[in-house]
Amino acid sequence: MKTKTTNKYSPEVWVRAVRLVQEHRGEYPSLWATIESIAPKIGCSSATLSEWVKRVEVDTGRRDGVSTQERERIKALERENKELRQANEILRLASYYRRHASQSEIAA
């Protein structure tokens, strides 16, 4: 069973952190060096900040990938698909039992 983790950082913190990375990117030899410099100042790991930067870049179209909005839409469609499959299974079973109940009444 998958447990849901809580967000340790507020949206304001990660927006600020990503903005700092973007503003100071030219001062370092690489994106990773920028992230490693800023992450301790924010109080998060470099990997976490890197994920935030990637997410913002995808959402703004600067990087290929599935945006947050698209990911949420896909999740909603998958949830709806699951509910429809369950409803179809219930209807299929109800039809089966109804058909067998009427056949047993005819035989009796």
N, C-alpha and C. Protein backbone atom coordinates (compact mmCIF):
# COMPACT_ATOMS: atom_id res chain seq x y z
N MET A 1 0.85 -1.18 0.00
CA MET A 1 0.00 0.00 0.00
C MET A 1 0.89 1.24 0.00
N LYS A 2 0.60 2.16 -0.85
CA LYS A 2 1.39 3.37 -0.97
C LYS A 2 0.90 4.40 0.04
N THR A 3 1.83 4.96 0.80
CA THR A 3 1.44 5.98 1.76
C THR A 3 1.68 7.34 1.15
N LYS A 4 0.83 8.27 1.48
CA LYS A 4 0.95 9.62 0.97
C LYS A 4 1.87 10.41 1.89
N THR A 5 2.88 11.03 1.29
CA THR A 5 3.79 11.82 2.09
C THR A 5 3.28 13.25 2.18
N THR A 6 3.62 13.89 3.26
CA THR A 6 3.22 15.28 3.42
C THR A 6 4.31 16.17 2.85
N ASN A 7 3.92 17.32 2.36
CA ASN A 7 4.88 18.27 1.84
C ASN A 7 5.53 18.99 3.01
N LYS A 8 6.84 18.83 3.12
CA LYS A 8 7.57 19.46 4.21
C LYS A 8 7.75 20.95 3.94
N TYR A 9 7.71 21.32 2.68
CA TYR A 9 7.97 22.70 2.30
C TYR A 9 6.71 23.33 1.72
N SER A 10 6.49 24.57 2.06
CA SER A 10 5.32 25.28 1.53
C SER A 10 5.59 25.65 0.07
N PRO A 11 4.52 25.88 -0.69
CA PRO A 11 4.71 26.31 -2.08
C PRO A 11 5.54 27.58 -2.19
N GLU A 12 5.41 28.46 -1.22
CA GLU A 12 6.18 29.70 -1.24
C GLU A 12 7.68 29.42 -1.18
N VAL A 13 8.06 28.41 -0.37
CA VAL A 13 9.47 28.07 -0.22
C VAL A 13 10.01 27.53 -1.53
N TRP A 14 9.29 26.59 -2.15
CA TRP A 14 9.86 26.04 -3.37
C TRP A 14 9.81 27.02 -4.53
N VAL A 15 8.85 27.91 -4.58
CA VAL A 15 8.83 28.95 -5.62
C VAL A 15 10.05 29.86 -5.44
N ARG A 16 10.31 30.24 -4.21
CA ARG A 16 11.47 31.10 -3.91
C ARG A 16 12.77 30.38 -4.27
N ALA A 17 12.86 29.11 -3.92
CA ALA A 17 14.08 28.34 -4.19
C ALA A 17 14.33 28.22 -5.69
N VAL A 18 13.30 27.92 -6.45
CA VAL A 18 13.44 27.80 -7.90
C VAL A 18 13.83 29.15 -8.51
N ARG A 19 13.22 30.21 -8.01
CA ARG A 19 13.55 31.56 -8.51
C ARG A 19 15.02 31.87 -8.24
N LEU A 20 15.51 31.52 -7.05
CA LEU A 20 16.92 31.74 -6.73
C LEU A 20 17.83 30.97 -7.68
N VAL A 21 17.48 29.73 -7.98
CA VAL A 21 18.27 28.94 -8.91
C VAL A 21 18.30 29.61 -10.28
N GLN A 22 17.14 30.04 -10.74
CA GLN A 22 17.07 30.69 -12.05
C GLN A 22 17.86 32.00 -12.08
N GLU A 23 17.78 32.77 -11.02
CA GLU A 23 18.47 34.06 -10.95
C GLU A 23 19.99 33.90 -10.88
N HIS A 24 20.47 32.86 -10.22
CA HIS A 24 21.91 32.69 -9.99
C HIS A 24 22.55 31.64 -10.89
N ARG A 25 21.81 31.13 -11.84
CA ARG A 25 22.29 30.06 -12.70
C ARG A 25 23.57 30.44 -13.45
N GLY A 26 23.67 31.66 -13.91
CA GLY A 26 24.83 32.10 -14.68
C GLY A 26 26.09 32.28 -13.85
N GLU A 27 25.97 32.29 -12.54
CA GLU A 27 27.11 32.50 -11.66
C GLU A 27 27.88 31.22 -11.36
N TYR A 28 27.38 30.08 -11.82
CA TYR A 28 27.98 28.78 -11.52
C TYR A 28 28.25 28.04 -12.82
N PRO A 29 29.19 27.10 -12.80
CA PRO A 29 29.54 26.38 -14.04
C PRO A 29 28.44 25.44 -14.56
N SER A 30 27.52 25.04 -13.69
CA SER A 30 26.45 24.12 -14.13
C SER A 30 25.19 24.35 -13.30
N LEU A 31 24.11 23.80 -13.79
CA LEU A 31 22.85 23.88 -13.05
C LEU A 31 22.99 23.17 -11.71
N TRP A 32 23.64 22.00 -11.73
CA TRP A 32 23.80 21.23 -10.49
C TRP A 32 24.62 22.01 -9.46
N ALA A 33 25.65 22.72 -9.90
CA ALA A 33 26.45 23.53 -8.97
C ALA A 33 25.59 24.64 -8.36
N THR A 34 24.74 25.22 -9.16
CA THR A 34 23.82 26.25 -8.66
C THR A 34 22.90 25.66 -7.61
N ILE A 35 22.34 24.50 -7.92
CA ILE A 35 21.41 23.83 -7.00
C ILE A 35 22.11 23.45 -5.70
N GLU A 36 23.33 22.91 -5.81
CA GLU A 36 24.06 22.52 -4.60
C GLU A 36 24.41 23.72 -3.72
N SER A 37 24.56 24.88 -4.32
CA SER A 37 24.86 26.08 -3.55
C SER A 37 23.62 26.62 -2.83
N ILE A 38 22.48 26.55 -3.51
CA ILE A 38 21.25 27.16 -2.97
C ILE A 38 20.49 26.23 -2.02
N ALA A 39 20.51 24.93 -2.27
CA ALA A 39 19.73 23.98 -1.46
C ALA A 39 19.98 24.10 0.04
N PRO A 40 21.23 24.15 0.51
CA PRO A 40 21.44 24.27 1.96
C PRO A 40 20.89 25.57 2.54
N LYS A 41 20.90 26.61 1.75
CA LYS A 41 20.38 27.90 2.22
C LYS A 41 18.87 27.84 2.41
N ILE A 42 18.21 27.03 1.61
CA ILE A 42 16.76 26.87 1.71
C ILE A 42 16.41 25.84 2.78
N GLY A 43 17.33 24.89 3.00
CA GLY A 43 17.08 23.86 4.00
C GLY A 43 16.50 22.59 3.40
N CYS A 44 16.79 22.36 2.11
CA CYS A 44 16.32 21.13 1.47
C CYS A 44 17.51 20.44 0.82
N SER A 45 17.30 19.22 0.37
CA SER A 45 18.38 18.51 -0.29
C SER A 45 18.53 19.00 -1.73
N SER A 46 19.70 18.78 -2.28
CA SER A 46 19.95 19.16 -3.68
C SER A 46 19.03 18.41 -4.62
N ALA A 47 18.77 17.14 -4.32
CA ALA A 47 17.89 16.33 -5.16
C ALA A 47 16.47 16.90 -5.16
N THR A 48 16.00 17.31 -4.00
CA THR A 48 14.66 17.89 -3.90
C THR A 48 14.56 19.17 -4.72
N LEU A 49 15.54 20.05 -4.55
CA LEU A 49 15.53 21.31 -5.29
C LEU A 49 15.64 21.05 -6.79
N SER A 50 16.43 20.07 -7.17
CA SER A 50 16.55 19.71 -8.59
C SER A 50 15.20 19.28 -9.16
N GLU A 51 14.45 18.48 -8.39
CA GLU A 51 13.11 18.07 -8.84
C GLU A 51 12.17 19.26 -8.99
N TRP A 52 12.25 20.21 -8.07
CA TRP A 52 11.41 21.41 -8.16
C TRP A 52 11.74 22.20 -9.42
N VAL A 53 13.05 22.36 -9.69
CA VAL A 53 13.48 23.10 -10.87
C VAL A 53 12.99 22.40 -12.14
N LYS A 54 13.15 21.08 -12.19
CA LYS A 54 12.69 20.31 -13.36
C LYS A 54 11.19 20.47 -13.55
N ARG A 55 10.42 20.40 -12.46
CA ARG A 55 8.97 20.51 -12.55
C ARG A 55 8.56 21.87 -13.12
N VAL A 56 9.20 22.93 -12.63
CA VAL A 56 8.88 24.27 -13.13
C VAL A 56 9.27 24.39 -14.60
N GLU A 57 10.41 23.85 -14.98
CA GLU A 57 10.84 23.91 -16.37
C GLU A 57 9.88 23.16 -17.29
N VAL A 58 9.38 22.01 -16.86
CA VAL A 58 8.40 21.26 -17.65
C VAL A 58 7.09 22.05 -17.73
N ASP A 59 6.64 22.56 -16.60
CA ASP A 59 5.37 23.29 -16.57
C ASP A 59 5.40 24.56 -17.42
N THR A 60 6.58 25.17 -17.55
CA THR A 60 6.69 26.40 -18.34
C THR A 60 7.12 26.13 -19.77
N GLY A 61 7.31 24.87 -20.14
CA GLY A 61 7.65 24.51 -21.51
C GLY A 61 9.12 24.60 -21.85
N ARG A 62 9.98 24.84 -20.87
CA ARG A 62 11.41 24.92 -21.14
C ARG A 62 12.08 23.54 -21.16
N ARG A 63 11.36 22.52 -20.77
CA ARG A 63 11.89 21.16 -20.73
C ARG A 63 10.78 20.22 -21.16
N ASP A 64 11.14 19.16 -21.90
CA ASP A 64 10.15 18.17 -22.31
C ASP A 64 9.68 17.37 -21.10
N GLY A 65 8.44 16.94 -21.17
CA GLY A 65 7.88 16.12 -20.10
C GLY A 65 6.41 16.39 -19.92
N VAL A 66 5.82 15.66 -18.99
CA VAL A 66 4.39 15.80 -18.69
C VAL A 66 4.24 16.87 -17.61
N SER A 67 3.48 17.91 -17.92
CA SER A 67 3.30 19.00 -16.97
C SER A 67 2.44 18.56 -15.80
N THR A 68 2.48 19.34 -14.74
CA THR A 68 1.69 19.06 -13.55
C THR A 68 0.21 19.02 -13.90
N GLN A 69 -0.24 19.96 -14.72
CA GLN A 69 -1.65 20.01 -15.12
C GLN A 69 -2.03 18.77 -15.92
N GLU A 70 -1.16 18.34 -16.84
CA GLU A 70 -1.44 17.13 -17.62
C GLU A 70 -1.45 15.89 -16.72
N ARG A 71 -0.50 15.84 -15.76
CA ARG A 71 -0.42 14.70 -14.85
C ARG A 71 -1.70 14.60 -14.02
N GLU A 72 -2.21 15.74 -13.55
CA GLU A 72 -3.46 15.74 -12.77
C GLU A 72 -4.63 15.29 -13.64
N ARG A 73 -4.66 15.71 -14.90
CA ARG A 73 -5.74 15.31 -15.81
C ARG A 73 -5.67 13.80 -16.07
N ILE A 74 -4.48 13.28 -16.27
CA ILE A 74 -4.31 11.84 -16.48
C ILE A 74 -4.79 11.07 -15.26
N LYS A 75 -4.43 11.52 -14.07
CA LYS A 75 -4.88 10.85 -12.84
C LYS A 75 -6.40 10.86 -12.74
N ALA A 76 -7.02 12.00 -13.06
CA ALA A 76 -8.48 12.10 -13.00
C ALA A 76 -9.12 11.14 -14.01
N LEU A 77 -8.56 11.06 -15.21
CA LEU A 77 -9.09 10.14 -16.22
C LEU A 77 -8.91 8.69 -15.81
N GLU A 78 -7.77 8.37 -15.22
CA GLU A 78 -7.54 7.00 -14.74
C GLU A 78 -8.53 6.64 -13.63
N ARG A 79 -8.79 7.59 -12.75
CA ARG A 79 -9.75 7.36 -11.66
C ARG A 79 -11.15 7.13 -12.24
N GLU A 80 -11.54 7.97 -13.21
CA GLU A 80 -12.84 7.82 -13.84
C GLU A 80 -12.93 6.48 -14.57
N ASN A 81 -11.86 6.10 -15.26
CA ASN A 81 -11.83 4.82 -15.96
C ASN A 81 -12.02 3.67 -14.98
N LYS A 82 -11.36 3.73 -13.84
CA LYS A 82 -11.49 2.68 -12.82
C LYS A 82 -12.92 2.59 -12.32
N GLU A 83 -13.53 3.76 -12.06
CA GLU A 83 -14.92 3.78 -11.58
C GLU A 83 -15.87 3.19 -12.62
N LEU A 84 -15.65 3.51 -13.89
CA LEU A 84 -16.50 2.99 -14.95
C LEU A 84 -16.33 1.47 -15.10
N ARG A 85 -15.10 0.99 -14.97
CA ARG A 85 -14.87 -0.46 -15.03
C ARG A 85 -15.60 -1.17 -13.87
N GLN A 86 -15.54 -0.56 -12.69
CA GLN A 86 -16.24 -1.16 -11.54
C GLN A 86 -17.75 -1.15 -11.77
N ALA A 87 -18.27 -0.06 -12.29
CA ALA A 87 -19.71 0.02 -12.56
C ALA A 87 -20.11 -1.02 -13.61
N ASN A 88 -19.29 -1.18 -14.64
CA ASN A 88 -19.58 -2.19 -15.66
C ASN A 88 -19.56 -3.59 -15.08
N GLU A 89 -18.63 -3.87 -14.19
CA GLU A 89 -18.55 -5.18 -13.56
C GLU A 89 -19.80 -5.44 -12.71
N ILE A 90 -20.24 -4.43 -11.98
CA ILE A 90 -21.45 -4.57 -11.16
C ILE A 90 -22.66 -4.85 -12.05
N LEU A 91 -22.79 -4.11 -13.14
CA LEU A 91 -23.90 -4.32 -14.07
C LEU A 91 -23.83 -5.69 -14.73
N ARG A 92 -22.63 -6.12 -15.09
CA ARG A 92 -22.47 -7.45 -15.69
C ARG A 92 -22.91 -8.55 -14.71
N LEU A 93 -22.47 -8.44 -13.45
CA LEU A 93 -22.86 -9.44 -12.45
C LEU A 93 -24.36 -9.39 -12.16
N ALA A 94 -24.93 -8.20 -12.10
CA ALA A 94 -26.36 -8.08 -11.86
C ALA A 94 -27.14 -8.72 -12.99
N SER A 95 -26.70 -8.49 -14.21
CA SER A 95 -27.35 -9.09 -15.37
C SER A 95 -27.24 -10.61 -15.31
N TYR A 96 -26.08 -11.12 -14.94
CA TYR A 96 -25.86 -12.56 -14.84
C TYR A 96 -26.81 -13.18 -13.81
N TYR A 97 -26.86 -12.57 -12.61
CA TYR A 97 -27.71 -13.11 -11.55
C TYR A 97 -29.19 -13.01 -11.92
N ARG A 98 -29.56 -11.93 -12.56
CA ARG A 98 -30.95 -11.76 -12.96
C ARG A 98 -31.34 -12.82 -14.00
N ARG A 99 -30.45 -13.06 -14.94
CA ARG A 99 -30.72 -14.06 -15.98
C ARG A 99 -30.84 -15.44 -15.35
N HIS A 100 -29.95 -15.78 -14.43
CA HIS A 100 -30.00 -17.09 -13.80
C HIS A 100 -31.19 -17.21 -12.85
N ALA A 101 -31.58 -16.14 -12.22
CA ALA A 101 -32.75 -16.19 -11.34
C ALA A 101 -34.01 -16.43 -12.15
N SER A 102 -34.13 -15.78 -13.31
CA SER A 102 -35.32 -15.98 -14.14
C SER A 102 -35.32 -17.37 -14.75
N GLN A 103 -34.17 -17.94 -15.06
CA GLN A 103 -34.10 -19.29 -15.60
C GLN A 103 -34.48 -20.32 -14.54
N SER A 104 -34.09 -20.07 -13.29
CA SER A 104 -34.45 -21.01 -12.24
C SER A 104 -35.95 -20.93 -11.93
N GLU A 105 -36.58 -19.78 -12.12
CA GLU A 105 -38.03 -19.66 -11.92
C GLU A 105 -38.77 -20.42 -13.01
N ILE A 106 -38.23 -20.36 -14.23
CA ILE A 106 -38.87 -21.09 -15.35
C ILE A 106 -38.74 -22.58 -15.12
N ALA A 107 -37.63 -23.06 -14.63
CA ALA A 107 -37.40 -24.48 -14.42
C ALA A 107 -38.25 -24.99 -13.27
N ALA A 108 -38.60 -24.14 -12.33
CA ALA A 108 -39.35 -24.58 -11.18
C ALA A 108 -40.79 -24.63 -11.48
